[in-house]
Amino acid sequence: MARPHLRRRRAETVDATPSTAPGTTEGAGAGTLTEERTPEEERPRPGSWLRRRRQATAAPSGAEGAGTGPDAASAATGSTGGARSSVPPPPAVVRRPVLDATPVLLLRAAHPRQAVVTAVLVTVAAALADRPTRDLGLVLLTVLVGQTLLGWHNDVVDRRRDAQHQRTGKPVADGRLEPGEVWFAITCGALLVVPLSLSNGLVAGGVYLASLVIAALGNLVLRRSVLSPVPWAVSFALYPAFLSYGGWGNHDGGSAPQPAMVVLAALLGIGVHFLTALWGLVADHEDGWHYLPLRLGMRLGAARLLALTTTYLALVTAGILVAGTLVGLEV
């Protein structure tokens, strides 16, 4: 009877013992059983060479791909990624010989448009009250100097916020004008506005200086809360008293203003506050402010708030003209 041919299994290596016994020699035959493979098993399987070739070519490409991942990108950028996450510094400002001269920069930091408009309106009110021409010039100069002081004070107080938000037209914030120069100008302006105010009369001068102090305090307190209109209302409410008690060298005093004119002047100050605050609503919101114009702007929108503020100012101005015509400025 012929002996059946048994197909041998693939060569397997089985450890006879977990470790080499004392006194034995390590080698191929030490504690191992080895079987040889058949010629059919030695023959490579179909497609195996293609798999091995793909694996061999994939290894270098994978190594190269590993260098292009997020870690490699962050390693390649290095400190550049950190630089992108930080806020870029403001661009350097090139000083110009004439436009960046100290007097011109002081003029730009004084909020000239607001100062001129306020001075002209108060002078027009004095003219409607039948004040003589020299009194009109004194009123114009006094109010213009006072408003200039308030503009300088506002830019010095807000210089860090203006620099953070990179606001244009702020020479103190962008470094072209030193805060010490502005404080020196404020000191000189204060020494000028005191005699100018008192030239309108002791009572009128005291009232106007009080309005300047209240407005300056408005640059420091209450400006972030819903009570932000209060300094504006009180400061503007003192203008009728400044006009009614005032006059060139009027040291004997005058008469009290009409209550209706005081109320309308206070309402006008609130409207001016809303109008000037509209242009900084975004920056103030980023700084976490909660003052009244910002709250209304969040509910109504900036465009609608601007339209309402303009209409409000027109109505208040018309009311001042009507009240001045009917009852006059003084009691």
Protein backbone atom coordinates (compact mmCIF):
# COMPACT_ATOMS: atom_id res chain seq x y z
CA MET A 1 0.00 0.00 0.00
CA ALA A 2 1.47 3.28 -1.09
CA ARG A 3 2.17 5.81 1.61
CA PRO A 4 0.06 8.94 1.13
CA HIS A 5 1.89 12.16 0.48
CA LEU A 6 1.11 14.75 3.18
CA ARG A 7 1.47 18.39 2.30
CA ARG A 8 3.83 20.06 4.66
CA ARG A 9 2.78 23.19 6.46
CA ARG A 10 4.66 26.46 6.27
CA ALA A 11 7.73 26.60 8.32
CA GLU A 12 6.84 27.55 11.89
CA THR A 13 9.16 28.20 14.67
CA VAL A 14 7.93 27.26 18.09
CA ASP A 15 9.78 28.16 21.19
CA ALA A 16 10.31 25.03 23.20
CA THR A 17 11.12 26.91 26.32
CA PRO A 18 10.47 30.51 27.29
CA SER A 19 14.14 31.03 27.95
CA THR A 20 17.40 29.23 27.31
CA ALA A 21 18.06 26.54 29.89
CA PRO A 22 21.32 26.62 31.84
CA GLY A 23 24.07 24.70 30.13
CA THR A 24 22.53 24.85 26.62
CA THR A 25 23.85 26.66 23.58
CA GLU A 26 21.80 29.31 21.76
CA GLY A 27 21.38 28.53 18.06
CA ALA A 28 19.03 27.57 15.30
CA GLY A 29 18.52 24.08 16.68
CA ALA A 30 18.45 24.88 20.32
CA GLY A 31 14.94 24.32 21.57
CA THR A 32 13.25 24.94 18.17
CA LEU A 33 11.38 22.82 15.64
CA THR A 34 11.67 23.89 12.01
CA GLU A 35 9.79 22.66 8.99
CA GLU A 36 10.61 23.46 5.39
CA ARG A 37 8.12 24.88 2.88
CA THR A 38 7.09 23.13 -0.33
CA PRO A 39 8.16 24.41 -3.77
CA GLU A 40 4.62 25.65 -4.35
CA GLU A 41 4.81 27.77 -1.18
CA GLU A 42 8.20 29.13 -2.16
CA ARG A 43 6.61 30.43 -5.38
CA PRO A 44 5.39 34.07 -4.96
CA ARG A 45 1.66 34.59 -4.98
CA PRO A 46 0.09 36.48 -7.84
CA GLY A 47 0.08 40.22 -7.20
CA SER A 48 2.39 40.03 -4.20
CA TRP A 49 5.22 41.83 -6.01
CA LEU A 50 2.83 44.63 -6.93
CA ARG A 51 1.76 44.98 -3.31
CA ARG A 52 5.36 45.05 -2.12
CA ARG A 53 6.22 47.66 -4.74
CA ARG A 54 3.29 49.86 -3.75
CA GLN A 55 4.26 49.56 -0.09
CA ALA A 56 7.86 50.42 -0.93
CA THR A 57 6.84 53.50 -2.93
CA ALA A 58 4.22 54.57 -0.39
CA ALA A 59 6.70 54.71 2.48
CA PRO A 60 8.82 57.59 1.08
CA SER A 61 5.72 59.52 -0.06
CA GLY A 62 4.19 59.07 3.37
CA ALA A 63 7.36 60.37 4.94
CA GLU A 64 7.24 63.37 2.66
CA GLY A 65 3.52 63.89 3.40
CA ALA A 66 4.27 63.82 7.09
CA GLY A 67 6.40 66.87 6.57
CA THR A 68 3.54 68.76 4.96
CA GLY A 69 0.94 68.29 7.68
CA PRO A 70 -0.26 70.84 10.22
CA ASP A 71 2.63 70.13 12.59
CA ALA A 72 5.15 70.63 9.83
CA ALA A 73 3.40 73.80 8.73
CA SER A 74 3.41 75.17 12.24
CA ALA A 75 7.04 74.17 12.67
CA ALA A 76 7.95 75.83 9.38
CA THR A 77 6.19 79.04 10.26
CA GLY A 78 7.75 79.14 13.70
CA SER A 79 7.24 82.47 15.31
CA THR A 80 5.44 83.77 12.24
CA GLY A 81 2.18 82.16 13.33
CA GLY A 82 2.39 83.94 16.65
CA ALA A 83 2.99 87.18 14.86
CA ARG A 84 -0.17 86.72 12.80
CA SER A 85 -2.29 86.15 15.91
CA SER A 86 -1.11 89.36 17.57
CA VAL A 87 -2.48 92.80 16.72
CA PRO A 88 -0.19 94.52 14.21
CA PRO A 89 1.31 97.77 15.42
CA PRO A 90 -0.03 100.99 13.92
CA PRO A 91 1.89 102.22 10.90
CA ALA A 92 4.57 104.77 11.49
CA VAL A 93 3.42 108.32 10.85
CA VAL A 94 5.72 110.41 8.70
CA ARG A 95 5.93 113.96 9.99
CA ARG A 96 5.37 116.73 7.46
CA PRO A 97 7.10 120.09 7.90
CA VAL A 98 4.02 122.35 7.88
CA LEU A 99 0.98 120.16 8.52
CA ASP A 100 2.67 118.44 11.46
CA ALA A 101 3.93 121.59 13.11
CA THR A 102 2.95 121.84 16.77
CA PRO A 103 0.47 124.76 16.34
CA VAL A 104 -1.30 122.94 13.51
CA LEU A 105 -1.48 119.70 15.51
CA LEU A 106 -2.84 121.59 18.51
CA LEU A 107 -5.51 123.05 16.28
CA ARG A 108 -6.50 119.59 15.01
CA ALA A 109 -6.59 118.19 18.55
CA ALA A 110 -8.95 120.96 19.70
CA HIS A 111 -12.01 119.51 17.89
CA PRO A 112 -12.17 122.70 15.83
CA ARG A 113 -15.49 122.08 14.10
CA GLN A 114 -17.37 121.48 17.34
CA ALA A 115 -15.67 124.48 18.96
CA VAL A 116 -16.49 126.83 16.09
CA VAL A 117 -20.11 125.66 15.75
CA THR A 118 -20.77 126.03 19.48
CA ALA A 119 -19.16 129.47 19.65
CA VAL A 120 -21.10 130.69 16.61
CA LEU A 121 -24.44 129.42 17.94
CA VAL A 122 -23.95 131.07 21.33
CA THR A 123 -22.93 134.31 19.60
CA VAL A 124 -26.03 134.17 17.41
CA ALA A 125 -28.14 133.71 20.54
CA ALA A 126 -26.46 136.77 22.06
CA ALA A 127 -27.17 138.75 18.90
CA LEU A 128 -30.85 137.75 19.06
CA ALA A 129 -30.84 139.06 22.63
CA ASP A 130 -29.84 142.51 21.29
CA ARG A 131 -26.34 142.47 22.72
CA PRO A 132 -23.99 145.15 21.33
CA THR A 133 -21.33 144.27 18.77
CA ARG A 134 -18.38 144.33 21.16
CA ASP A 135 -20.27 141.98 23.47
CA LEU A 136 -20.73 139.59 20.56
CA GLY A 137 -16.99 139.53 19.91
CA LEU A 138 -16.30 138.88 23.60
CA VAL A 139 -18.84 136.07 23.73
CA LEU A 140 -17.43 134.49 20.58
CA LEU A 141 -13.84 134.57 21.85
CA THR A 142 -14.76 133.34 25.32
CA VAL A 143 -16.76 130.35 24.12
CA LEU A 144 -14.21 129.50 21.43
CA VAL A 145 -11.35 129.34 23.93
CA GLY A 146 -13.43 127.31 26.37
CA GLN A 147 -14.44 124.79 23.73
CA THR A 148 -10.83 124.49 22.61
CA LEU A 149 -9.81 123.58 26.15
CA LEU A 150 -12.47 120.88 26.28
CA GLY A 151 -11.30 119.43 22.96
CA TRP A 152 -7.70 119.24 24.13
CA HIS A 153 -8.75 117.65 27.41
CA ASN A 154 -10.84 115.04 25.61
CA ASP A 155 -7.98 114.01 23.30
CA VAL A 156 -5.54 113.69 26.19
CA VAL A 157 -7.95 111.58 28.22
CA ASP A 158 -8.81 109.31 25.28
CA ARG A 159 -5.33 109.03 23.75
CA ARG A 160 -4.86 105.35 24.69
CA ARG A 161 -8.30 104.32 23.42
CA ASP A 162 -7.79 106.31 20.22
CA ALA A 163 -4.43 104.59 19.67
CA GLN A 164 -5.92 101.16 20.34
CA HIS A 165 -8.66 101.69 17.77
CA GLN A 166 -6.25 103.46 15.37
CA ARG A 167 -8.47 106.49 14.92
CA THR A 168 -7.32 108.96 12.33
CA GLY A 169 -7.00 112.67 12.91
CA LYS A 170 -5.81 112.18 16.50
CA PRO A 171 -2.28 113.64 16.74
CA VAL A 172 -1.99 112.87 20.45
CA ALA A 173 -2.90 109.21 19.92
CA ASP A 174 -0.55 108.62 16.97
CA GLY A 175 2.41 110.21 18.76
CA ARG A 176 2.85 113.33 16.66
CA LEU A 177 1.81 115.48 19.62
CA GLU A 178 3.10 114.79 23.11
CA PRO A 179 0.61 114.81 26.00
CA GLY A 180 2.88 117.23 27.85
CA GLU A 181 2.55 119.74 25.04
CA VAL A 182 -1.23 119.49 25.21
CA TRP A 183 -1.25 119.93 28.98
CA PHE A 184 0.91 123.01 28.59
CA ALA A 185 -1.56 124.38 26.02
CA ILE A 186 -4.44 123.61 28.41
CA THR A 187 -2.69 125.53 31.17
CA CYS A 188 -2.15 128.53 28.91
CA GLY A 189 -5.74 128.35 27.70
CA ALA A 190 -7.05 128.24 31.27
CA LEU A 191 -5.04 131.35 32.12
CA LEU A 192 -6.68 133.03 29.13
CA VAL A 193 -10.27 131.85 29.55
CA VAL A 194 -10.56 133.03 33.16
CA PRO A 195 -10.08 136.76 32.43
CA LEU A 196 -12.15 136.45 29.25
CA SER A 197 -15.03 134.91 31.19
CA LEU A 198 -14.86 137.50 33.96
CA SER A 199 -14.86 140.26 31.35
CA ASN A 200 -18.48 139.29 30.69
CA GLY A 201 -19.29 140.05 34.31
CA LEU A 202 -18.55 138.30 37.57
CA VAL A 203 -21.77 136.27 37.63
CA ALA A 204 -21.70 135.46 33.93
CA GLY A 205 -18.00 134.59 34.09
CA GLY A 206 -18.52 132.32 37.09
CA VAL A 207 -21.41 130.57 35.36
CA TYR A 208 -19.40 129.93 32.21
CA LEU A 209 -16.37 128.64 34.13
CA ALA A 210 -18.70 126.30 36.03
CA SER A 211 -20.02 124.98 32.72
CA LEU A 212 -16.45 124.26 31.59
CA VAL A 213 -15.66 122.38 34.80
CA ILE A 214 -18.81 120.26 34.45
CA ALA A 215 -18.02 119.48 30.81
CA ALA A 216 -14.45 118.49 31.71
CA LEU A 217 -15.77 116.18 34.43
CA GLY A 218 -17.99 114.66 31.76
CA ASN A 219 -14.79 113.49 30.02
CA LEU A 220 -13.90 111.51 33.15
CA VAL A 221 -17.09 110.35 34.90
CA LEU A 222 -20.56 109.16 33.85
CA ARG A 223 -19.53 108.89 30.21
CA ARG A 224 -19.76 105.07 30.21
CA SER A 225 -23.16 104.79 31.90
CA VAL A 226 -26.73 105.65 30.99
CA LEU A 227 -26.21 108.97 32.80
CA SER A 228 -23.79 110.16 30.13
CA PRO A 229 -26.16 112.95 28.92
CA VAL A 230 -26.23 114.59 32.37
CA PRO A 231 -22.96 116.60 32.08
CA TRP A 232 -23.96 117.74 28.61
CA ALA A 233 -27.40 118.84 29.74
CA VAL A 234 -26.11 120.73 32.78
CA SER A 235 -23.27 122.37 30.87
CA PHE A 236 -25.55 123.61 28.07
CA ALA A 237 -28.23 124.68 30.55
CA LEU A 238 -25.81 127.26 31.94
CA TYR A 239 -25.40 129.06 28.60
CA PRO A 240 -28.64 131.11 28.93
CA ALA A 241 -27.46 132.33 32.34
CA PHE A 242 -24.08 133.22 30.85
CA LEU A 243 -25.84 135.37 28.26
CA SER A 244 -28.52 136.88 30.49
CA TYR A 245 -26.11 137.88 33.24
CA GLY A 246 -23.34 138.83 30.82
CA GLY A 247 -22.23 142.05 29.22
CA TRP A 248 -19.00 143.93 28.62
CA GLY A 249 -17.82 144.78 32.11
CA ASN A 250 -21.24 144.02 33.55
CA HIS A 251 -20.12 143.75 37.15
CA ASP A 252 -23.50 144.85 38.51
CA GLY A 253 -25.07 141.63 37.27
CA GLY A 254 -28.01 141.15 34.98
CA SER A 255 -31.23 139.21 35.22
CA ALA A 256 -32.03 135.52 35.41
CA PRO A 257 -32.75 133.61 32.20
CA GLN A 258 -36.17 132.37 31.21
CA PRO A 259 -36.79 128.82 32.54
CA ALA A 260 -38.00 127.76 29.11
CA MET A 261 -34.67 128.79 27.59
CA VAL A 262 -32.77 126.86 30.27
CA VAL A 263 -34.77 123.70 29.60
CA LEU A 264 -34.39 124.02 25.83
CA ALA A 265 -30.64 124.60 26.18
CA ALA A 266 -30.36 121.43 28.30
CA LEU A 267 -32.26 119.47 25.67
CA LEU A 268 -29.94 120.87 23.03
CA GLY A 269 -26.93 119.60 24.99
CA ILE A 270 -28.41 116.11 25.08
CA GLY A 271 -28.89 116.17 21.32
CA VAL A 272 -25.31 117.34 20.74
CA HIS A 273 -24.11 114.49 22.96
CA PHE A 274 -25.96 111.94 20.83
CA LEU A 275 -24.67 113.49 17.62
CA THR A 276 -21.01 113.44 18.71
CA ALA A 277 -21.30 109.92 20.13
CA LEU A 278 -22.60 108.39 16.90
CA TRP A 279 -19.18 108.25 15.25
CA GLY A 280 -17.63 106.16 18.05
CA LEU A 281 -20.37 103.63 18.78
CA VAL A 282 -18.43 100.65 17.40
CA ALA A 283 -15.26 101.37 19.36
CA ASP A 284 -17.20 102.12 22.54
CA HIS A 285 -19.11 98.85 22.18
CA GLU A 286 -15.85 96.93 21.83
CA ASP A 287 -14.60 98.58 25.03
CA GLY A 288 -17.68 97.43 26.94
CA TRP A 289 -19.33 100.82 27.39
CA HIS A 290 -23.07 101.01 28.16
CA TYR A 291 -23.92 104.69 27.80
CA LEU A 292 -27.30 105.84 26.55
CA PRO A 293 -26.51 106.60 22.86
CA LEU A 294 -24.89 103.16 22.51
CA ARG A 295 -27.89 101.37 24.00
CA LEU A 296 -30.29 103.16 21.70
CA GLY A 297 -27.98 102.55 18.75
CA MET A 298 -27.98 98.81 19.49
CA ARG A 299 -31.78 98.76 19.42
CA LEU A 300 -32.51 101.18 16.59
CA GLY A 301 -29.40 101.00 14.43
CA ALA A 302 -26.90 103.78 13.77
CA ALA A 303 -28.65 105.12 10.65
CA ARG A 304 -32.04 105.41 12.32
CA LEU A 305 -30.49 106.93 15.43
CA LEU A 306 -28.72 109.52 13.28
CA ALA A 307 -32.00 110.46 11.59
CA LEU A 308 -33.79 110.74 14.91
CA THR A 309 -30.98 112.81 16.42
CA THR A 310 -30.98 115.21 13.48
CA THR A 311 -34.75 115.62 13.70
CA TYR A 312 -34.53 116.11 17.45
CA LEU A 313 -31.89 118.83 17.13
CA ALA A 314 -33.93 120.62 14.45
CA LEU A 315 -37.02 120.64 16.68
CA VAL A 316 -35.10 121.87 19.72
CA THR A 317 -33.45 124.63 17.70
CA ALA A 318 -36.84 125.70 16.38
CA GLY A 319 -38.17 125.70 19.93
CA ILE A 320 -35.31 127.95 21.07
CA LEU A 321 -36.05 130.40 18.27
CA VAL A 322 -39.77 130.44 19.07
CA ALA A 323 -39.18 130.82 22.80
CA GLY A 324 -36.65 133.58 22.20
CA THR A 325 -39.17 135.42 20.05
CA LEU A 326 -42.11 135.03 22.46
CA VAL A 327 -40.58 135.32 25.93
CA GLY A 328 -37.05 136.44 25.24
CA LEU A 329 -33.86 135.39 27.01
CA GLU A 330 -34.22 137.19 30.33
CA VAL A 331 -37.02 137.14 32.85
